[in-house]
Amino acid sequence: MGEQTDFEEVVKFHGHTCPGVTIGYRMAKAAMERLSEKRSEEEEIVAIVENNACGVDAVQVLTGCTFGKGNFIFRDYGKQVYTFYSRNTGKGYRVVFHGNKIPETIRGDREEMTRWLLEAEEEDILDVTEVDIEEPDPAEMVPSIRCEYCGETVMETRTHKLNGKIACIPCSMK
């Protein structure tokens, strides 16, 4: 898949072109090149994202990491920082968007900023550092059981005992 095709796939998944998804695209691309990995079919790659903004959609498309596979970890820190880990090699990279060289003249122009971000030299927008992280646990398969309050099924590991009955988290908080 060529670079432009990759970006078009990201935009298709995200729904529109914007600076945020472009930043995520550049961040994920930089990490995947260093990891020398292809898109994760199972859980070979783990992505740890520190925001829930547009860029995380690019991470999902390029890396194949998803909540459903358990290799997409969200930490609500509000930072343009993503860490990528390869289970195949044990290597990890932390990618930080700094955008230090973005010209002031384009900051209010979404189209021009997107174009500039796609063409910018990596060091002008990103810091990429190899990091040692503890390998995240693989996704755990756990049985679902029925909440005795609302009747909905819930992962057993997400239940509480409330008055001697099994309760899902929302029911346990009532």
C-alpha atoms as a PDB file:
ATOM      1  CA  MET A   1       0.000   0.000   0.000  1.00  0.00           C
ATOM      2  CA  GLY A   2       1.440   3.374  -0.982  1.00  0.00           C
ATOM      3  CA  GLU A   3       1.636   6.356   1.342  1.00  0.00           C
ATOM      4  CA  GLN A   4      -1.216   8.251  -0.342  1.00  0.00           C
ATOM      5  CA  THR A   5      -3.406   5.145  -0.326  1.00  0.00           C
ATOM      6  CA  ASP A   6      -2.721   4.695   3.404  1.00  0.00           C
ATOM      7  CA  PHE A   7      -3.794   8.262   4.096  1.00  0.00           C
ATOM      8  CA  GLU A   8      -6.910   7.895   1.941  1.00  0.00           C
ATOM      9  CA  GLU A   9      -7.876   4.802   3.956  1.00  0.00           C
ATOM     10  CA  VAL A  10      -7.413   6.768   7.176  1.00  0.00           C
ATOM     11  CA  VAL A  11      -9.595   9.612   5.883  1.00  0.00           C
ATOM     12  CA  LYS A  12     -12.257   7.148   4.725  1.00  0.00           C
ATOM     13  CA  PHE A  13     -12.366   5.543   8.179  1.00  0.00           C
ATOM     14  CA  HIS A  14     -12.332   8.881  10.029  1.00  0.00           C
ATOM     15  CA  GLY A  15     -14.880  10.556   7.757  1.00  0.00           C
ATOM     16  CA  HIS A  16     -13.012  13.729   6.821  1.00  0.00           C
ATOM     17  CA  THR A  17      -9.571  15.228   6.379  1.00  0.00           C
ATOM     18  CA  CYS A  18      -8.288  17.374   9.230  1.00  0.00           C
ATOM     19  CA  PRO A  19      -5.011  18.284  10.935  1.00  0.00           C
ATOM     20  CA  GLY A  20      -5.730  15.922  13.855  1.00  0.00           C
ATOM     21  CA  VAL A  21      -6.117  12.784  11.772  1.00  0.00           C
ATOM     22  CA  THR A  22      -3.073  13.846   9.740  1.00  0.00           C
ATOM     23  CA  ILE A  23      -0.993  14.146  12.907  1.00  0.00           C
ATOM     24  CA  GLY A  24      -2.097  10.679  14.009  1.00  0.00           C
ATOM     25  CA  TYR A  25      -1.250   9.346  10.563  1.00  0.00           C
ATOM     26  CA  ARG A  26       2.274  10.753  10.712  1.00  0.00           C
ATOM     27  CA  MET A  27       2.753   9.471  14.290  1.00  0.00           C
ATOM     28  CA  ALA A  28       1.581   5.927  13.508  1.00  0.00           C
ATOM     29  CA  LYS A  29       3.551   5.847  10.254  1.00  0.00           C
ATOM     30  CA  ALA A  30       6.762   6.857  12.047  1.00  0.00           C
ATOM     31  CA  ALA A  31       6.325   4.140  14.662  1.00  0.00           C
ATOM     32  CA  MET A  32       5.412   1.398  12.194  1.00  0.00           C
ATOM     33  CA  GLU A  33       8.495   2.155  10.096  1.00  0.00           C
ATOM     34  CA  ARG A  34      10.732   1.840  13.157  1.00  0.00           C
ATOM     35  CA  LEU A  35       9.004  -1.311  14.346  1.00  0.00           C
ATOM     36  CA  SER A  36       9.384  -2.777  10.831  1.00  0.00           C
ATOM     37  CA  GLU A  37       5.898  -4.201  11.227  1.00  0.00           C
ATOM     38  CA  LYS A  38       2.891  -4.610   9.019  1.00  0.00           C
ATOM     39  CA  ARG A  39      -0.683  -4.002  10.179  1.00  0.00           C
ATOM     40  CA  SER A  40      -1.551  -6.220  13.151  1.00  0.00           C
ATOM     41  CA  GLU A  41      -3.847  -9.114  12.273  1.00  0.00           C
ATOM     42  CA  GLU A  42      -4.135 -10.299  15.862  1.00  0.00           C
ATOM     43  CA  GLU A  43      -2.299  -8.703  18.800  1.00  0.00           C
ATOM     44  CA  GLU A  44       1.242  -8.500  17.394  1.00  0.00           C
ATOM     45  CA  ILE A  45       1.298  -4.729  17.857  1.00  0.00           C
ATOM     46  CA  VAL A  46      -0.017  -2.810  20.851  1.00  0.00           C
ATOM     47  CA  ALA A  47      -0.904   0.892  20.681  1.00  0.00           C
ATOM     48  CA  ILE A  48      -1.183   2.960  23.848  1.00  0.00           C
ATOM     49  CA  VAL A  49      -2.854   6.285  23.076  1.00  0.00           C
ATOM     50  CA  GLU A  50      -2.984   9.242  25.446  1.00  0.00           C
ATOM     51  CA  ASN A  51      -5.974  11.052  23.929  1.00  0.00           C
ATOM     52  CA  ASN A  52      -9.246  10.236  22.248  1.00  0.00           C
ATOM     53  CA  ALA A  53      -8.984  12.799  19.458  1.00  0.00           C
ATOM     54  CA  CYS A  54      -9.001  12.433  15.670  1.00  0.00           C
ATOM     55  CA  GLY A  55      -5.492  10.997  15.433  1.00  0.00           C
ATOM     56  CA  VAL A  56      -6.382   7.745  17.171  1.00  0.00           C
ATOM     57  CA  ASP A  57      -8.455   6.760  14.141  1.00  0.00           C
ATOM     58  CA  ALA A  58      -5.273   6.837  12.054  1.00  0.00           C
ATOM     59  CA  VAL A  59      -3.570   4.665  14.673  1.00  0.00           C
ATOM     60  CA  GLN A  60      -6.308   2.049  14.365  1.00  0.00           C
ATOM     61  CA  VAL A  61      -6.216   1.995  10.557  1.00  0.00           C
ATOM     62  CA  LEU A  62      -2.434   1.833  10.158  1.00  0.00           C
ATOM     63  CA  THR A  63      -1.628  -0.495  13.046  1.00  0.00           C
ATOM     64  CA  GLY A  64      -4.691  -2.743  13.155  1.00  0.00           C
ATOM     65  CA  CYS A  65      -4.929  -2.137  16.901  1.00  0.00           C
ATOM     66  CA  THR A  66      -8.504  -2.042  18.201  1.00  0.00           C
ATOM     67  CA  PHE A  67     -10.396  -2.189  21.475  1.00  0.00           C
ATOM     68  CA  GLY A  68     -12.031  -5.392  20.264  1.00  0.00           C
ATOM     69  CA  LYS A  69      -8.697  -7.191  19.875  1.00  0.00           C
ATOM     70  CA  GLY A  70      -7.451  -5.825  23.188  1.00  0.00           C
ATOM     71  CA  ASN A  71      -4.310  -4.299  21.687  1.00  0.00           C
ATOM     72  CA  PHE A  72      -5.542  -0.695  21.776  1.00  0.00           C
ATOM     73  CA  ILE A  73      -5.080   0.888  25.201  1.00  0.00           C
ATOM     74  CA  PHE A  74      -6.520   4.318  26.040  1.00  0.00           C
ATOM     75  CA  ARG A  75      -5.037   6.495  28.762  1.00  0.00           C
ATOM     76  CA  ASP A  76      -6.992   9.716  29.198  1.00  0.00           C
ATOM     77  CA  TYR A  77      -4.055  12.132  29.576  1.00  0.00           C
ATOM     78  CA  GLY A  78      -5.067  14.593  26.839  1.00  0.00           C
ATOM     79  CA  LYS A  79      -1.620  14.435  25.219  1.00  0.00           C
ATOM     80  CA  GLN A  80      -0.645  13.974  21.584  1.00  0.00           C
ATOM     81  CA  VAL A  81       1.468  10.989  22.596  1.00  0.00           C
ATOM     82  CA  TYR A  82       1.243   7.398  21.386  1.00  0.00           C
ATOM     83  CA  THR A  83       3.390   4.424  22.362  1.00  0.00           C
ATOM     84  CA  PHE A  84       3.660   1.461  20.031  1.00  0.00           C
ATOM     85  CA  TYR A  85       4.959  -1.957  21.048  1.00  0.00           C
ATOM     86  CA  SER A  86       5.788  -5.038  18.970  1.00  0.00           C
ATOM     87  CA  ARG A  87       5.199  -8.387  20.650  1.00  0.00           C
ATOM     88  CA  ASN A  88       7.311  -9.933  17.861  1.00  0.00           C
ATOM     89  CA  THR A  89      10.482  -7.991  18.699  1.00  0.00           C
ATOM     90  CA  GLY A  90       9.873  -6.603  22.195  1.00  0.00           C
ATOM     91  CA  LYS A  91      10.639  -3.097  20.898  1.00  0.00           C
ATOM     92  CA  GLY A  92       8.610  -0.036  21.729  1.00  0.00           C
ATOM     93  CA  TYR A  93       8.522   3.556  20.499  1.00  0.00           C
ATOM     94  CA  ARG A  94       6.978   6.612  22.099  1.00  0.00           C
ATOM     95  CA  VAL A  95       5.904   9.204  19.544  1.00  0.00           C
ATOM     96  CA  VAL A  96       5.253  12.762  20.703  1.00  0.00           C
ATOM     97  CA  PHE A  97       3.728  15.430  18.477  1.00  0.00           C
ATOM     98  CA  HIS A  98       5.377  18.768  19.178  1.00  0.00           C
ATOM     99  CA  GLY A  99       4.672  20.682  15.962  1.00  0.00           C
ATOM    100  CA  ASN A 100       7.437  23.154  16.766  1.00  0.00           C
ATOM    101  CA  LYS A 101       8.000  24.239  13.157  1.00  0.00           C
ATOM    102  CA  ILE A 102       4.395  24.735  12.062  1.00  0.00           C
ATOM    103  CA  PRO A 103       4.274  28.172  10.412  1.00  0.00           C
ATOM    104  CA  GLU A 104       2.011  30.607  12.248  1.00  0.00           C
ATOM    105  CA  THR A 105       0.514  31.690   8.911  1.00  0.00           C
ATOM    106  CA  ILE A 106      -1.201  28.322   8.370  1.00  0.00           C
ATOM    107  CA  ARG A 107      -2.427  27.554  11.893  1.00  0.00           C
ATOM    108  CA  GLY A 108      -5.994  28.715  11.191  1.00  0.00           C
ATOM    109  CA  ASP A 109      -6.256  27.092   7.757  1.00  0.00           C
ATOM    110  CA  ARG A 110      -7.261  23.408   8.115  1.00  0.00           C
ATOM    111  CA  GLU A 111      -6.540  22.516   4.474  1.00  0.00           C
ATOM    112  CA  GLU A 112      -3.166  24.222   4.332  1.00  0.00           C
ATOM    113  CA  MET A 113      -2.137  22.848   7.710  1.00  0.00           C
ATOM    114  CA  THR A 114      -3.132  19.327   6.679  1.00  0.00           C
ATOM    115  CA  ARG A 115      -1.099  19.647   3.478  1.00  0.00           C
ATOM    116  CA  TRP A 116       1.885  21.015   5.407  1.00  0.00           C
ATOM    117  CA  LEU A 117       1.704  18.230   8.021  1.00  0.00           C
ATOM    118  CA  LEU A 118       1.718  15.559   5.299  1.00  0.00           C
ATOM    119  CA  GLU A 119       4.844  17.045   3.717  1.00  0.00           C
ATOM    120  CA  ALA A 120       6.735  18.202   6.827  1.00  0.00           C
ATOM    121  CA  GLU A 121      10.025  16.662   7.839  1.00  0.00           C
ATOM    122  CA  GLU A 122       9.406  14.232  10.688  1.00  0.00           C
ATOM    123  CA  GLU A 123      11.722  16.049  13.106  1.00  0.00           C
ATOM    124  CA  ASP A 124       9.784  19.283  12.525  1.00  0.00           C
ATOM    125  CA  ILE A 125       6.644  17.783  14.072  1.00  0.00           C
ATOM    126  CA  LEU A 126       7.554  14.641  16.016  1.00  0.00           C
ATOM    127  CA  ASP A 127       9.898  13.247  18.627  1.00  0.00           C
ATOM    128  CA  VAL A 128      10.281   9.472  18.390  1.00  0.00           C
ATOM    129  CA  THR A 129      12.064   7.660  21.191  1.00  0.00           C
ATOM    130  CA  GLU A 130      12.717   3.972  21.657  1.00  0.00           C
ATOM    131  CA  VAL A 131      11.336   2.946  25.048  1.00  0.00           C
ATOM    132  CA  ASP A 132      11.368  -0.115  27.239  1.00  0.00           C
ATOM    133  CA  ILE A 133       7.890  -0.939  28.440  1.00  0.00           C
ATOM    134  CA  GLU A 134       6.496  -3.958  30.179  1.00  0.00           C
ATOM    135  CA  GLU A 135       4.699  -6.048  27.602  1.00  0.00           C
ATOM    136  CA  PRO A 136       0.968  -5.452  27.959  1.00  0.00           C
ATOM    137  CA  ASP A 137      -1.079  -8.529  28.789  1.00  0.00           C
ATOM    138  CA  PRO A 138      -2.855 -10.107  25.833  1.00  0.00           C
ATOM    139  CA  ALA A 139      -6.610  -9.764  25.664  1.00  0.00           C
ATOM    140  CA  GLU A 140      -8.291 -11.937  28.258  1.00  0.00           C
ATOM    141  CA  MET A 141     -11.298 -14.009  27.325  1.00  0.00           C
ATOM    142  CA  VAL A 142     -13.734 -14.028  30.239  1.00  0.00           C
ATOM    143  CA  PRO A 143     -17.252 -15.410  30.462  1.00  0.00           C
ATOM    144  CA  SER A 144     -20.300 -13.174  30.470  1.00  0.00           C
ATOM    145  CA  ILE A 145     -22.915 -13.525  33.192  1.00  0.00           C
ATOM    146  CA  ARG A 146     -26.284 -11.917  33.763  1.00  0.00           C
ATOM    147  CA  CYS A 147     -26.694  -8.925  36.061  1.00  0.00           C
ATOM    148  CA  GLU A 148     -29.340  -9.879  38.598  1.00  0.00           C
ATOM    149  CA  TYR A 149     -30.648  -6.303  38.655  1.00  0.00           C
ATOM    150  CA  CYS A 150     -31.051  -5.238  35.013  1.00  0.00           C
ATOM    151  CA  GLY A 151     -30.831  -8.651  33.342  1.00  0.00           C
ATOM    152  CA  GLU A 152     -28.157  -7.599  30.853  1.00  0.00           C
ATOM    153  CA  THR A 153     -25.100  -9.774  30.264  1.00  0.00           C
ATOM    154  CA  VAL A 154     -21.796  -8.420  31.479  1.00  0.00           C
ATOM    155  CA  MET A 155     -18.197  -9.608  31.580  1.00  0.00           C
ATOM    156  CA  GLU A 156     -17.769 -11.519  34.814  1.00  0.00           C
ATOM    157  CA  THR A 157     -14.699  -9.430  35.682  1.00  0.00           C
ATOM    158  CA  ARG A 158     -16.825  -6.258  35.574  1.00  0.00           C
ATOM    159  CA  THR A 159     -19.388  -7.313  38.177  1.00  0.00           C
ATOM    160  CA  HIS A 160     -19.806  -6.538  41.854  1.00  0.00           C
ATOM    161  CA  LYS A 161     -21.779  -8.148  44.641  1.00  0.00           C
ATOM    162  CA  LEU A 162     -24.584  -5.924  45.831  1.00  0.00           C
ATOM    163  CA  ASN A 163     -26.833  -7.226  48.603  1.00  0.00           C
ATOM    164  CA  GLY A 164     -25.649 -10.730  47.759  1.00  0.00           C
ATOM    165  CA  LYS A 165     -26.588 -10.423  44.074  1.00  0.00           C
ATOM    166  CA  ILE A 166     -24.447 -10.056  40.950  1.00  0.00           C
ATOM    167  CA  ALA A 167     -24.548  -6.463  39.715  1.00  0.00           C
ATOM    168  CA  CYS A 168     -23.073  -4.790  36.630  1.00  0.00           C
ATOM    169  CA  ILE A 169     -21.188  -1.559  37.267  1.00  0.00           C
ATOM    170  CA  PRO A 170     -24.092   0.804  36.446  1.00  0.00           C
ATOM    171  CA  CYS A 171     -26.495  -1.152  38.677  1.00  0.00           C
ATOM    172  CA  SER A 172     -23.951  -1.251  41.506  1.00  0.00           C
ATOM    173  CA  MET A 173     -23.753   2.543  41.415  1.00  0.00           C
ATOM    174  CA  LYS A 174     -27.493   3.167  41.813  1.00  0.00           C
END
